Structures are given as C-alpha cells and as structure tokens.
Amino acid sequence: MGIFVANKEIAERKDIINPNLIDGSASFDGSSDAGKGIPQVTDAKYQGLKVVDQSNRQWNGFGPYIYVQKGTYTFSCYAKTSGLGFKSIMIPLNTGLDDKDKQPATVNTQTMAISSVSDWSRFDGTFVVSEAGYIHPRVESSGNNDVLLLAGFKLEKGSVATPWCPSINDLATGLLDIQAIKSKLGGVKLLYRIYYATSLKEVA
C-alpha cells in the first residue's frame, strides 16, 4: 500500500495486507480454464489452500474473469514447478469463446515469467491498467513434461504483493455460516472474532 503526499508516493507499507479481489481463491471456485479443458483441482492442499495440478500438459491457464478500473495491480500465486517448459503469469483476456462478450482492459504487461523451483514459492507480477475492462489473471504453461502445481491466487491494488488472504466476500460468507451455526445451536453463544488484516478492525 502506498503513502502519498500531494499525489506523490513517498513510502510503501509492507506490513499491511491488501484485500484480495478474487473470490473463492482458497478453493478456485469461480475460476475458468482458458484452454477449455478441465482444471485438476486436487484434494491436496498447500497452507490450507486447494491445489490445482496441471502437470504434463500444455495449458492456456486457469483463473477468474475480473472487471478492473484504471490503476496499478499486483497478481500473485503459490507455485511448485519444474521442467524446461515456459511458464508465466498472464493478465489479459485469452480472446477465446469465454471472452467474446467481455470488454478487455488495456494493460501494459502481458506476461511475467515463472522460473522452475524445487519447492513451493510465491510468484508475483505488477501491471498497470490504463483503460478499464476485464482481465483474466492466470498461469500458462508450454511444456508437456513439466510439474506445475498452483495455489492461493491473489489480485490486489498497488505494486506490493502482500500475504494471501480471502476476499471480503469470502469473509462475509464465512460470517453468515457462523451465524447459521449459532441459530441451529438454539441460543448457545459461540465466541468468535474475525479480524481482517487490511484495517486490523474487528468486524464480528
């Protein structure tokens, strides 16, 4: 998150967690495969997040369609990958059938490379939207003999990749689930607090 004086950025706060703009990112709910294949969402988890296994196939990516306004954004994800195939974060629409009814955003960066790593690592890329519209943040792979495991997608405003967190909508859904449990328990009071690290404000 940037700190501005007279419209000039003077510092960056790296201890503040920005909201995640992607709903369902812990389980990949609401995401779409740009290659029209079936993404392999597995039972495996990394840090409590569901893992997509897209190993050993050429792949055009898997991610949400999101409408964004003008501004600077950062996309990040956890990945475990190996092999010689080219793997990258992609931001713009794929121009496939799923995209034809969406007005694409104008972005300055099309692709950001992901290197092969021996263990789970976090990758991120920052881009600027100069014209509002839809983007399809995802990871693509060109190799058929590669390992590609993905988890914990996050899209946030600003140029700093802050730690993964659920979206505000996901937090609200979780709060409703807790309220439903309280009702079923017939008045038994549950003690719970949900803190959202963006403001460190107790919301429940």
N, C-alpha and C. Protein backbone atom coordinates (compact mmCIF):
# COMPACT_ATOMS: atom_id res chain seq x y z
N MET A 1 0.85 -1.18 0.00
CA MET A 1 0.00 0.00 0.00
C MET A 1 0.88 1.23 0.00
N GLY A 2 0.62 2.18 -0.88
CA GLY A 2 1.45 3.37 -0.98
C GLY A 2 0.98 4.47 -0.06
N ILE A 3 1.89 5.35 0.32
CA ILE A 3 1.59 6.54 1.09
C ILE A 3 1.88 7.73 0.19
N PHE A 4 0.89 8.61 0.04
CA PHE A 4 1.01 9.70 -0.91
C PHE A 4 0.88 11.06 -0.21
N VAL A 5 1.67 12.02 -0.65
CA VAL A 5 1.55 13.41 -0.24
C VAL A 5 1.57 14.24 -1.51
N ALA A 6 0.53 15.04 -1.69
CA ALA A 6 0.41 15.86 -2.91
C ALA A 6 0.53 14.99 -4.16
N ASN A 7 -0.15 13.84 -4.13
CA ASN A 7 -0.19 12.91 -5.25
C ASN A 7 1.15 12.27 -5.57
N LYS A 8 2.13 12.37 -4.67
CA LYS A 8 3.43 11.76 -4.88
C LYS A 8 3.65 10.67 -3.85
N GLU A 9 4.01 9.48 -4.33
CA GLU A 9 4.23 8.38 -3.42
C GLU A 9 5.56 8.57 -2.69
N ILE A 10 5.53 8.53 -1.35
CA ILE A 10 6.74 8.76 -0.57
C ILE A 10 7.19 7.52 0.18
N ALA A 11 6.33 6.53 0.31
CA ALA A 11 6.73 5.33 1.05
C ALA A 11 5.77 4.21 0.73
N GLU A 12 6.17 3.00 1.08
CA GLU A 12 5.31 1.84 0.91
C GLU A 12 5.18 1.13 2.24
N ARG A 13 3.95 0.76 2.59
CA ARG A 13 3.72 0.00 3.80
C ARG A 13 3.62 -1.47 3.42
N LYS A 14 4.60 -2.25 3.84
CA LYS A 14 4.63 -3.66 3.50
C LYS A 14 4.10 -4.53 4.64
N ASP A 15 3.63 -3.88 5.72
CA ASP A 15 3.09 -4.63 6.84
C ASP A 15 1.57 -4.63 6.84
N ILE A 16 0.97 -4.07 5.79
CA ILE A 16 -0.49 -4.03 5.68
C ILE A 16 -0.91 -5.02 4.60
N ILE A 17 -1.93 -5.82 4.89
CA ILE A 17 -2.42 -6.80 3.93
C ILE A 17 -3.56 -6.20 3.13
N ASN A 18 -3.38 -6.09 1.83
CA ASN A 18 -4.43 -5.56 0.97
C ASN A 18 -5.53 -6.59 0.75
N PRO A 19 -6.77 -6.16 0.53
CA PRO A 19 -7.85 -7.10 0.23
C PRO A 19 -7.56 -7.89 -1.04
N ASN A 20 -7.99 -9.14 -1.06
CA ASN A 20 -7.91 -9.98 -2.25
C ASN A 20 -9.14 -9.71 -3.10
N LEU A 21 -8.94 -9.38 -4.36
CA LEU A 21 -10.05 -9.06 -5.26
C LEU A 21 -10.62 -10.30 -5.94
N ILE A 22 -10.04 -11.48 -5.67
CA ILE A 22 -10.51 -12.73 -6.27
C ILE A 22 -11.35 -13.49 -5.25
N ASP A 23 -12.62 -13.72 -5.56
CA ASP A 23 -13.48 -14.53 -4.70
C ASP A 23 -13.18 -16.01 -4.90
N GLY A 24 -13.30 -16.80 -3.83
CA GLY A 24 -13.14 -18.24 -3.94
C GLY A 24 -11.73 -18.69 -4.22
N SER A 25 -10.74 -17.87 -3.88
CA SER A 25 -9.36 -18.19 -4.25
C SER A 25 -8.77 -19.33 -3.43
N ALA A 26 -9.36 -19.64 -2.29
CA ALA A 26 -8.84 -20.76 -1.48
C ALA A 26 -9.19 -22.10 -2.11
N SER A 27 -10.26 -22.13 -2.89
CA SER A 27 -10.73 -23.39 -3.48
C SER A 27 -10.86 -23.33 -4.99
N PHE A 28 -10.51 -22.18 -5.60
CA PHE A 28 -10.61 -21.96 -7.04
C PHE A 28 -12.05 -21.94 -7.53
N ASP A 29 -13.01 -21.68 -6.65
CA ASP A 29 -14.40 -21.51 -7.08
C ASP A 29 -14.51 -20.26 -7.95
N GLY A 30 -15.24 -20.35 -9.02
CA GLY A 30 -15.47 -19.20 -9.88
C GLY A 30 -14.40 -18.95 -10.91
N SER A 31 -13.39 -19.83 -11.00
CA SER A 31 -12.35 -19.65 -12.00
C SER A 31 -12.69 -20.43 -13.26
N SER A 32 -12.09 -20.01 -14.37
CA SER A 32 -12.37 -20.64 -15.66
C SER A 32 -11.07 -21.02 -16.35
N ASP A 33 -11.08 -22.15 -17.04
CA ASP A 33 -9.93 -22.64 -17.77
C ASP A 33 -9.92 -22.01 -19.16
N ALA A 34 -8.88 -21.21 -19.46
CA ALA A 34 -8.80 -20.54 -20.75
C ALA A 34 -8.62 -21.52 -21.89
N GLY A 35 -8.14 -22.72 -21.59
CA GLY A 35 -7.92 -23.72 -22.62
C GLY A 35 -9.12 -24.62 -22.84
N LYS A 36 -10.21 -24.35 -22.14
CA LYS A 36 -11.46 -25.11 -22.23
C LYS A 36 -11.32 -26.55 -21.74
N GLY A 37 -10.20 -26.88 -21.12
CA GLY A 37 -10.04 -28.19 -20.51
C GLY A 37 -10.58 -28.18 -19.09
N ILE A 38 -10.47 -29.31 -18.41
CA ILE A 38 -10.94 -29.41 -17.04
C ILE A 38 -9.76 -29.24 -16.10
N PRO A 39 -9.73 -28.18 -15.31
CA PRO A 39 -8.61 -27.99 -14.39
C PRO A 39 -8.62 -29.06 -13.31
N GLN A 40 -7.45 -29.54 -12.95
CA GLN A 40 -7.34 -30.63 -12.00
C GLN A 40 -7.21 -30.09 -10.58
N VAL A 41 -8.34 -29.67 -9.99
CA VAL A 41 -8.35 -29.25 -8.60
C VAL A 41 -8.29 -30.50 -7.74
N THR A 42 -7.23 -30.65 -6.97
CA THR A 42 -6.98 -31.88 -6.24
C THR A 42 -7.43 -31.77 -4.79
N ASP A 43 -7.33 -32.88 -4.07
CA ASP A 43 -7.61 -32.87 -2.63
C ASP A 43 -6.40 -32.39 -1.83
N ALA A 44 -5.27 -32.27 -2.49
CA ALA A 44 -4.06 -31.80 -1.82
C ALA A 44 -4.21 -30.33 -1.45
N LYS A 45 -3.50 -29.91 -0.42
CA LYS A 45 -3.54 -28.52 0.00
C LYS A 45 -2.14 -28.02 0.30
N TYR A 46 -1.97 -26.72 0.08
CA TYR A 46 -0.74 -26.05 0.47
C TYR A 46 -1.13 -24.88 1.38
N GLN A 47 -0.67 -24.90 2.60
CA GLN A 47 -1.03 -23.91 3.60
C GLN A 47 -2.54 -23.76 3.72
N GLY A 48 -3.25 -24.89 3.65
CA GLY A 48 -4.69 -24.89 3.78
C GLY A 48 -5.45 -24.51 2.52
N LEU A 49 -4.74 -24.25 1.43
CA LEU A 49 -5.37 -23.83 0.17
C LEU A 49 -5.38 -24.99 -0.81
N LYS A 50 -6.48 -25.15 -1.55
CA LYS A 50 -6.56 -26.22 -2.54
C LYS A 50 -5.54 -26.03 -3.65
N VAL A 51 -5.09 -27.15 -4.19
CA VAL A 51 -4.02 -27.14 -5.19
C VAL A 51 -4.58 -27.58 -6.55
N VAL A 52 -4.21 -26.85 -7.59
CA VAL A 52 -4.50 -27.25 -8.97
C VAL A 52 -3.25 -27.91 -9.52
N ASP A 53 -3.40 -29.12 -10.05
CA ASP A 53 -2.28 -29.86 -10.64
C ASP A 53 -2.44 -29.87 -12.15
N GLN A 54 -1.62 -29.08 -12.83
CA GLN A 54 -1.67 -29.00 -14.29
C GLN A 54 -0.35 -29.49 -14.88
N SER A 55 0.20 -30.54 -14.29
CA SER A 55 1.48 -31.08 -14.75
C SER A 55 1.31 -31.84 -16.06
N ASN A 56 2.39 -31.88 -16.83
CA ASN A 56 2.49 -32.73 -18.02
C ASN A 56 1.45 -32.41 -19.08
N ARG A 57 1.16 -31.14 -19.27
CA ARG A 57 0.26 -30.76 -20.35
C ARG A 57 0.51 -29.30 -20.72
N GLN A 58 0.35 -29.03 -22.02
CA GLN A 58 0.36 -27.64 -22.46
C GLN A 58 -0.94 -27.02 -22.01
N TRP A 59 -0.87 -25.81 -21.49
CA TRP A 59 -2.02 -25.28 -20.78
C TRP A 59 -2.16 -23.79 -20.99
N ASN A 60 -3.37 -23.33 -21.27
CA ASN A 60 -3.62 -21.91 -21.51
C ASN A 60 -4.13 -21.17 -20.29
N GLY A 61 -4.05 -21.79 -19.13
CA GLY A 61 -4.33 -21.05 -17.92
C GLY A 61 -5.68 -21.28 -17.31
N PHE A 62 -5.76 -20.92 -16.03
CA PHE A 62 -6.96 -21.15 -15.24
C PHE A 62 -7.06 -20.03 -14.23
N GLY A 63 -8.15 -19.26 -14.26
CA GLY A 63 -8.29 -18.15 -13.34
C GLY A 63 -9.62 -17.45 -13.52
N PRO A 64 -9.89 -16.44 -12.71
CA PRO A 64 -11.18 -15.74 -12.77
C PRO A 64 -11.19 -14.65 -13.83
N TYR A 65 -12.38 -14.25 -14.23
CA TYR A 65 -12.56 -13.05 -15.03
C TYR A 65 -12.95 -11.93 -14.07
N ILE A 66 -12.21 -10.83 -14.11
CA ILE A 66 -12.43 -9.75 -13.16
C ILE A 66 -12.46 -8.41 -13.89
N TYR A 67 -13.46 -7.58 -13.56
CA TYR A 67 -13.52 -6.23 -14.13
C TYR A 67 -12.70 -5.31 -13.24
N VAL A 68 -11.75 -4.58 -13.84
CA VAL A 68 -10.88 -3.70 -13.08
C VAL A 68 -10.94 -2.27 -13.62
N GLN A 69 -10.80 -1.32 -12.73
CA GLN A 69 -10.71 0.09 -13.10
C GLN A 69 -9.26 0.45 -13.39
N LYS A 70 -9.03 1.66 -13.85
CA LYS A 70 -7.67 2.12 -14.08
C LYS A 70 -6.87 2.09 -12.78
N GLY A 71 -5.60 1.76 -12.88
CA GLY A 71 -4.76 1.76 -11.70
C GLY A 71 -3.69 0.70 -11.77
N THR A 72 -2.92 0.58 -10.70
CA THR A 72 -1.84 -0.39 -10.59
C THR A 72 -2.31 -1.58 -9.76
N TYR A 73 -2.04 -2.79 -10.25
CA TYR A 73 -2.47 -4.01 -9.59
C TYR A 73 -1.29 -5.00 -9.52
N THR A 74 -1.38 -5.92 -8.56
CA THR A 74 -0.39 -6.98 -8.45
C THR A 74 -1.12 -8.32 -8.33
N PHE A 75 -0.72 -9.27 -9.15
CA PHE A 75 -1.24 -10.64 -9.09
C PHE A 75 -0.15 -11.53 -8.50
N SER A 76 -0.54 -12.45 -7.62
CA SER A 76 0.43 -13.37 -7.04
C SER A 76 -0.20 -14.74 -6.86
N CYS A 77 0.66 -15.75 -6.74
CA CYS A 77 0.20 -17.11 -6.51
C CYS A 77 1.34 -17.94 -5.96
N TYR A 78 0.99 -19.04 -5.33
CA TYR A 78 1.98 -20.04 -4.93
C TYR A 78 2.13 -21.04 -6.08
N ALA A 79 3.34 -21.46 -6.34
CA ALA A 79 3.58 -22.43 -7.41
C ALA A 79 4.74 -23.34 -7.06
N LYS A 80 4.61 -24.57 -7.50
CA LYS A 80 5.70 -25.54 -7.43
C LYS A 80 5.84 -26.09 -8.83
N THR A 81 7.01 -25.92 -9.44
CA THR A 81 7.13 -26.22 -10.85
C THR A 81 8.54 -26.68 -11.19
N SER A 82 8.63 -27.54 -12.18
CA SER A 82 9.93 -27.99 -12.67
C SER A 82 9.81 -28.33 -14.14
N GLY A 83 10.96 -28.52 -14.80
CA GLY A 83 10.96 -28.82 -16.22
C GLY A 83 11.42 -27.64 -17.04
N LEU A 84 11.56 -27.85 -18.33
CA LEU A 84 12.12 -26.84 -19.23
C LEU A 84 11.06 -26.01 -19.94
N GLY A 85 9.80 -26.37 -19.82
CA GLY A 85 8.75 -25.62 -20.49
C GLY A 85 8.61 -24.21 -19.94
N PHE A 86 8.16 -23.28 -20.79
CA PHE A 86 7.97 -21.89 -20.38
C PHE A 86 6.67 -21.76 -19.60
N LYS A 87 6.75 -21.19 -18.42
CA LYS A 87 5.57 -20.97 -17.58
C LYS A 87 5.50 -19.50 -17.19
N SER A 88 4.30 -18.94 -17.22
CA SER A 88 4.20 -17.50 -17.00
C SER A 88 2.86 -17.10 -16.42
N ILE A 89 2.86 -15.98 -15.73
CA ILE A 89 1.63 -15.31 -15.31
C ILE A 89 1.11 -14.52 -16.51
N MET A 90 -0.16 -14.71 -16.83
CA MET A 90 -0.80 -13.97 -17.91
C MET A 90 -1.92 -13.11 -17.33
N ILE A 91 -2.08 -11.91 -17.84
CA ILE A 91 -3.08 -10.98 -17.31
C ILE A 91 -4.25 -10.71 -18.27
N PRO A 92 -4.02 -10.44 -19.56
CA PRO A 92 -5.14 -10.04 -20.44
C PRO A 92 -6.05 -11.22 -20.78
N LEU A 93 -7.16 -10.91 -21.42
CA LEU A 93 -8.07 -11.95 -21.86
C LEU A 93 -7.40 -12.87 -22.87
N ASN A 94 -7.91 -14.10 -22.95
CA ASN A 94 -7.36 -15.11 -23.84
C ASN A 94 -7.96 -15.04 -25.24
N THR A 95 -8.97 -14.19 -25.41
CA THR A 95 -9.70 -14.00 -26.68
C THR A 95 -10.35 -15.29 -27.17
N GLY A 96 -10.70 -16.16 -26.24
CA GLY A 96 -11.42 -17.37 -26.59
C GLY A 96 -12.92 -17.16 -26.54
N LEU A 97 -13.67 -18.24 -26.63
CA LEU A 97 -15.12 -18.16 -26.65
C LEU A 97 -15.67 -17.57 -25.36
N ASP A 98 -15.02 -17.87 -24.23
CA ASP A 98 -15.49 -17.35 -22.95
C ASP A 98 -15.27 -15.86 -22.81
N ASP A 99 -14.45 -15.29 -23.68
CA ASP A 99 -14.07 -13.89 -23.55
C ASP A 99 -14.82 -12.96 -24.50
N LYS A 100 -15.53 -13.51 -25.47
CA LYS A 100 -16.02 -12.70 -26.58
C LYS A 100 -17.05 -11.66 -26.16
N ASP A 101 -17.73 -11.88 -25.02
CA ASP A 101 -18.73 -10.92 -24.57
C ASP A 101 -18.19 -9.95 -23.54
N LYS A 102 -16.88 -9.93 -23.33
CA LYS A 102 -16.27 -9.09 -22.31
C LYS A 102 -15.38 -8.03 -22.95
N GLN A 103 -15.51 -6.81 -22.48
CA GLN A 103 -14.66 -5.72 -22.95
C GLN A 103 -13.31 -5.82 -22.26
N PRO A 104 -12.21 -6.05 -23.01
CA PRO A 104 -10.91 -6.23 -22.35
C PRO A 104 -10.35 -4.93 -21.79
N ALA A 105 -9.70 -5.05 -20.65
CA ALA A 105 -8.95 -3.91 -20.11
C ALA A 105 -7.67 -3.72 -20.92
N THR A 106 -7.14 -2.52 -20.92
CA THR A 106 -5.85 -2.26 -21.54
C THR A 106 -4.78 -2.31 -20.46
N VAL A 107 -3.85 -3.26 -20.59
CA VAL A 107 -2.80 -3.42 -19.58
C VAL A 107 -1.43 -3.25 -20.23
N ASN A 108 -0.47 -2.79 -19.45
CA ASN A 108 0.86 -2.53 -20.01
C ASN A 108 1.75 -3.76 -20.04
N THR A 109 1.40 -4.79 -19.27
CA THR A 109 2.22 -6.00 -19.20
C THR A 109 1.36 -7.20 -19.54
N GLN A 110 1.79 -7.98 -20.52
CA GLN A 110 1.03 -9.14 -20.94
C GLN A 110 1.41 -10.41 -20.17
N THR A 111 2.71 -10.57 -19.90
CA THR A 111 3.18 -11.83 -19.34
C THR A 111 4.37 -11.61 -18.41
N MET A 112 4.49 -12.45 -17.38
CA MET A 112 5.59 -12.40 -16.43
C MET A 112 6.05 -13.83 -16.18
N ALA A 113 7.32 -14.12 -16.44
CA ALA A 113 7.82 -15.49 -16.40
C ALA A 113 7.86 -16.04 -14.98
N ILE A 114 7.62 -17.36 -14.88
CA ILE A 114 7.77 -18.11 -13.63
C ILE A 114 8.91 -19.09 -13.82
N SER A 115 9.86 -19.07 -12.92
CA SER A 115 11.01 -19.97 -13.02
C SER A 115 10.68 -21.31 -12.39
N SER A 116 11.47 -22.33 -12.71
CA SER A 116 11.32 -23.64 -12.09
C SER A 116 11.95 -23.61 -10.70
N VAL A 117 11.24 -24.14 -9.73
CA VAL A 117 11.72 -24.14 -8.35
C VAL A 117 11.54 -25.54 -7.78
N SER A 118 12.36 -25.89 -6.81
CA SER A 118 12.31 -27.25 -6.25
C SER A 118 11.25 -27.40 -5.17
N ASP A 119 10.76 -26.28 -4.65
CA ASP A 119 9.74 -26.34 -3.61
C ASP A 119 8.75 -25.20 -3.84
N TRP A 120 7.68 -25.19 -3.06
CA TRP A 120 6.67 -24.15 -3.20
C TRP A 120 7.30 -22.77 -3.02
N SER A 121 6.96 -21.86 -3.92
CA SER A 121 7.42 -20.48 -3.85
C SER A 121 6.27 -19.56 -4.26
N ARG A 122 6.39 -18.30 -3.89
CA ARG A 122 5.37 -17.33 -4.27
C ARG A 122 5.91 -16.47 -5.41
N PHE A 123 5.09 -16.34 -6.44
CA PHE A 123 5.45 -15.52 -7.59
C PHE A 123 4.45 -14.38 -7.70
N ASP A 124 4.92 -13.24 -8.19
CA ASP A 124 4.01 -12.11 -8.35
C ASP A 124 4.43 -11.26 -9.53
N GLY A 125 3.50 -10.49 -10.03
CA GLY A 125 3.76 -9.57 -11.12
C GLY A 125 2.86 -8.36 -11.02
N THR A 126 3.41 -7.19 -11.27
CA THR A 126 2.66 -5.93 -11.19
C THR A 126 2.37 -5.41 -12.59
N PHE A 127 1.19 -4.87 -12.79
CA PHE A 127 0.82 -4.33 -14.08
C PHE A 127 -0.05 -3.10 -13.89
N VAL A 128 -0.18 -2.30 -14.94
CA VAL A 128 -0.95 -1.06 -14.90
C VAL A 128 -2.10 -1.16 -15.88
N VAL A 129 -3.30 -0.85 -15.42
CA VAL A 129 -4.49 -0.80 -16.27
C VAL A 129 -4.71 0.65 -16.69
N SER A 130 -4.62 0.92 -17.98
CA SER A 130 -4.82 2.29 -18.48
C SER A 130 -6.25 2.53 -18.97
N GLU A 131 -6.97 1.44 -19.28
CA GLU A 131 -8.37 1.53 -19.67
C GLU A 131 -9.13 0.42 -18.96
N ALA A 132 -10.21 0.76 -18.28
CA ALA A 132 -10.98 -0.21 -17.50
C ALA A 132 -11.55 -1.31 -18.39
N GLY A 133 -11.72 -2.48 -17.82
CA GLY A 133 -12.29 -3.62 -18.54
C GLY A 133 -11.98 -4.91 -17.82
N TYR A 134 -12.14 -6.02 -18.53
CA TYR A 134 -11.93 -7.34 -17.93
C TYR A 134 -10.50 -7.81 -18.11
N ILE A 135 -9.99 -8.51 -17.10
CA ILE A 135 -8.74 -9.24 -17.20
C ILE A 135 -9.00 -10.69 -16.80
N HIS A 136 -8.04 -11.56 -17.12
CA HIS A 136 -8.16 -12.98 -16.78
C HIS A 136 -6.82 -13.46 -16.20
N PRO A 137 -6.50 -13.04 -14.96
CA PRO A 137 -5.21 -13.40 -14.37
C PRO A 137 -5.10 -14.91 -14.18
N ARG A 138 -3.96 -15.50 -14.64
CA ARG A 138 -3.83 -16.95 -14.67
C ARG A 138 -2.36 -17.30 -14.85
N VAL A 139 -2.07 -18.60 -14.85
CA VAL A 139 -0.73 -19.10 -15.13
C VAL A 139 -0.82 -20.03 -16.33
N GLU A 140 0.05 -19.83 -17.31
CA GLU A 140 0.07 -20.67 -18.51
C GLU A 140 1.37 -21.48 -18.56
N SER A 141 1.31 -22.60 -19.27
CA SER A 141 2.48 -23.48 -19.39
C SER A 141 2.59 -23.98 -20.83
N SER A 142 3.82 -24.10 -21.32
CA SER A 142 4.03 -24.59 -22.68
C SER A 142 4.54 -26.03 -22.71
N GLY A 143 4.85 -26.59 -21.56
CA GLY A 143 5.52 -27.89 -21.54
C GLY A 143 4.60 -29.06 -21.25
N ASN A 144 4.92 -30.22 -21.84
CA ASN A 144 4.17 -31.45 -21.58
C ASN A 144 4.89 -32.37 -20.61
N ASN A 145 6.10 -32.04 -20.23
CA ASN A 145 6.88 -32.87 -19.32
C ASN A 145 7.29 -32.08 -18.08
N ASP A 146 6.42 -31.21 -17.64
CA ASP A 146 6.72 -30.33 -16.52
C ASP A 146 5.77 -30.59 -15.35
N VAL A 147 6.24 -30.25 -14.16
CA VAL A 147 5.39 -30.21 -12.98
C VAL A 147 4.88 -28.79 -12.83
N LEU A 148 3.58 -28.63 -12.61
CA LEU A 148 3.00 -27.31 -12.38
C LEU A 148 1.87 -27.45 -11.37
N LEU A 149 2.14 -27.06 -10.13
CA LEU A 149 1.15 -27.05 -9.06
C LEU A 149 0.91 -25.60 -8.65
N LEU A 150 -0.35 -25.23 -8.47
CA LEU A 150 -0.72 -23.85 -8.18
C LEU A 150 -1.66 -23.77 -6.99
N ALA A 151 -1.56 -22.68 -6.23
CA ALA A 151 -2.46 -22.45 -5.10
C ALA A 151 -2.46 -20.97 -4.74
N GLY A 152 -3.52 -20.55 -4.06
CA GLY A 152 -3.55 -19.23 -3.45
C GLY A 152 -3.42 -18.05 -4.38
N PHE A 153 -4.28 -17.95 -5.39
CA PHE A 153 -4.26 -16.78 -6.26
C PHE A 153 -4.68 -15.53 -5.46
N LYS A 154 -4.04 -14.41 -5.79
CA LYS A 154 -4.45 -13.14 -5.18
C LYS A 154 -4.26 -12.01 -6.18
N LEU A 155 -5.26 -11.14 -6.28
CA LEU A 155 -5.17 -9.90 -7.05
C LEU A 155 -5.44 -8.76 -6.09
N GLU A 156 -4.58 -7.76 -6.09
CA GLU A 156 -4.75 -6.65 -5.17
C GLU A 156 -4.31 -5.35 -5.81
N LYS A 157 -4.79 -4.26 -5.29
CA LYS A 157 -4.39 -2.95 -5.78
C LYS A 157 -3.00 -2.62 -5.23
N GLY A 158 -2.24 -1.87 -6.04
CA GLY A 158 -0.91 -1.45 -5.62
C GLY A 158 0.18 -2.27 -6.25
N SER A 159 1.43 -1.94 -5.90
CA SER A 159 2.59 -2.56 -6.53
C SER A 159 3.32 -3.53 -5.62
N VAL A 160 2.76 -3.84 -4.45
CA VAL A 160 3.39 -4.74 -3.50
C VAL A 160 2.51 -5.97 -3.31
N ALA A 161 3.11 -7.16 -3.41
CA ALA A 161 2.38 -8.41 -3.17
C ALA A 161 2.34 -8.66 -1.66
N THR A 162 1.19 -8.42 -1.05
CA THR A 162 1.05 -8.67 0.39
C THR A 162 0.56 -10.10 0.61
N PRO A 163 0.64 -10.63 1.84
CA PRO A 163 0.29 -12.03 2.07
C PRO A 163 -1.12 -12.38 1.60
N TRP A 164 -1.28 -13.66 1.21
CA TRP A 164 -2.60 -14.12 0.75
C TRP A 164 -3.63 -13.97 1.86
N CYS A 165 -4.85 -13.65 1.47
CA CYS A 165 -5.98 -13.60 2.39
C CYS A 165 -7.25 -13.83 1.58
N PRO A 166 -8.35 -14.20 2.22
CA PRO A 166 -9.62 -14.34 1.48
C PRO A 166 -10.11 -12.97 1.03
N SER A 167 -11.03 -12.98 0.10
CA SER A 167 -11.67 -11.73 -0.31
C SER A 167 -12.67 -11.29 0.76
N ILE A 168 -13.10 -10.05 0.69
CA ILE A 168 -14.10 -9.55 1.63
C ILE A 168 -15.39 -10.34 1.48
N ASN A 169 -15.77 -10.70 0.25
CA ASN A 169 -16.97 -11.50 0.04
C ASN A 169 -16.86 -12.87 0.69
N ASP A 170 -15.67 -13.48 0.61
CA ASP A 170 -15.47 -14.78 1.25
C ASP A 170 -15.56 -14.67 2.76
N LEU A 171 -15.02 -13.60 3.32
CA LEU A 171 -15.11 -13.39 4.76
C LEU A 171 -16.57 -13.21 5.19
N ALA A 172 -17.33 -12.45 4.39
CA ALA A 172 -18.74 -12.23 4.71
C ALA A 172 -19.52 -13.54 4.66
N THR A 173 -19.21 -14.40 3.67
CA THR A 173 -19.86 -15.70 3.58
C THR A 173 -19.55 -16.54 4.80
N GLY A 174 -18.30 -16.52 5.24
CA GLY A 174 -17.92 -17.26 6.43
C GLY A 174 -18.65 -16.78 7.66
N LEU A 175 -18.85 -15.47 7.75
CA LEU A 175 -19.57 -14.91 8.88
C LEU A 175 -21.02 -15.37 8.88
N LEU A 176 -21.65 -15.41 7.70
CA LEU A 176 -23.03 -15.90 7.60
C LEU A 176 -23.12 -17.36 8.01
N ASP A 177 -22.11 -18.16 7.64
CA ASP A 177 -22.09 -19.57 8.03
C ASP A 177 -22.04 -19.71 9.55
N ILE A 178 -21.27 -18.87 10.20
CA ILE A 178 -21.17 -18.91 11.66
C ILE A 178 -22.51 -18.53 12.29
N GLN A 179 -23.16 -17.52 11.72
CA GLN A 179 -24.47 -17.11 12.23
C GLN A 179 -25.47 -18.24 12.11
N ALA A 180 -25.41 -19.00 10.99
CA ALA A 180 -26.32 -20.12 10.79
C ALA A 180 -26.08 -21.21 11.83
N ILE A 181 -24.81 -21.46 12.14
CA ILE A 181 -24.48 -22.46 13.17
C ILE A 181 -25.03 -22.03 14.52
N LYS A 182 -24.90 -20.75 14.84
CA LYS A 182 -25.42 -20.25 16.11
C LYS A 182 -26.93 -20.48 16.21
N SER A 183 -27.64 -20.23 15.10
CA SER A 183 -29.09 -20.42 15.10
C SER A 183 -29.46 -21.87 15.33
N LYS A 184 -28.72 -22.79 14.70
CA LYS A 184 -29.01 -24.21 14.85
C LYS A 184 -28.74 -24.71 16.27
N LEU A 185 -27.82 -24.04 16.96
CA LEU A 185 -27.49 -24.46 18.32
C LEU A 185 -28.49 -23.94 19.35
N GLY A 186 -29.49 -23.23 18.89
CA GLY A 186 -30.58 -22.82 19.77
C GLY A 186 -30.18 -21.89 20.89
N GLY A 187 -29.42 -20.88 20.55
CA GLY A 187 -29.10 -19.87 21.55
C GLY A 187 -27.78 -20.07 22.25
N VAL A 188 -27.09 -21.18 21.99
CA VAL A 188 -25.76 -21.35 22.58
C VAL A 188 -24.83 -20.31 21.96
N LYS A 189 -24.18 -19.54 22.80
CA LYS A 189 -23.36 -18.45 22.29
C LYS A 189 -21.97 -18.94 21.91
N LEU A 190 -21.59 -18.70 20.66
CA LEU A 190 -20.24 -19.01 20.22
C LEU A 190 -19.38 -17.76 20.35
N LEU A 191 -18.19 -17.92 20.89
CA LEU A 191 -17.27 -16.81 20.99
C LEU A 191 -16.36 -16.86 19.78
N TYR A 192 -16.43 -15.85 18.96
CA TYR A 192 -15.58 -15.82 17.77
C TYR A 192 -15.28 -14.38 17.40
N ARG A 193 -14.18 -14.20 16.75
CA ARG A 193 -13.82 -12.89 16.21
C ARG A 193 -13.23 -13.11 14.82
N ILE A 194 -13.59 -12.26 13.92
CA ILE A 194 -12.97 -12.28 12.60
C ILE A 194 -12.23 -10.97 12.43
N TYR A 195 -10.95 -11.06 12.26
CA TYR A 195 -10.13 -9.86 12.03
C TYR A 195 -9.75 -9.81 10.56
N TYR A 196 -9.92 -8.68 10.00
CA TYR A 196 -9.48 -8.52 8.61
C TYR A 196 -8.24 -7.65 8.62
N ALA A 197 -7.15 -8.22 8.14
CA ALA A 197 -5.85 -7.60 8.36
C ALA A 197 -5.65 -6.30 7.60
N THR A 198 -6.56 -6.01 6.67
CA THR A 198 -6.41 -4.76 5.94
C THR A 198 -6.46 -3.56 6.90
N SER A 199 -7.37 -3.60 7.85
CA SER A 199 -7.52 -2.50 8.78
C SER A 199 -7.28 -2.92 10.22
N LEU A 200 -7.12 -4.24 10.47
CA LEU A 200 -7.00 -4.78 11.81
C LEU A 200 -8.19 -4.39 12.67
N LYS A 201 -9.32 -4.27 12.01
CA LYS A 201 -10.54 -3.89 12.71
C LYS A 201 -11.39 -5.14 12.96
N GLU A 202 -11.88 -5.28 14.18
CA GLU A 202 -12.74 -6.42 14.49
C GLU A 202 -14.10 -6.18 13.85
N VAL A 203 -14.54 -7.13 13.01
CA VAL A 203 -15.79 -6.94 12.29
C VAL A 203 -16.89 -7.88 12.79
N ALA A 204 -16.60 -8.76 13.70
CA ALA A 204 -17.62 -9.65 14.23
C ALA A 204 -17.23 -10.11 15.62
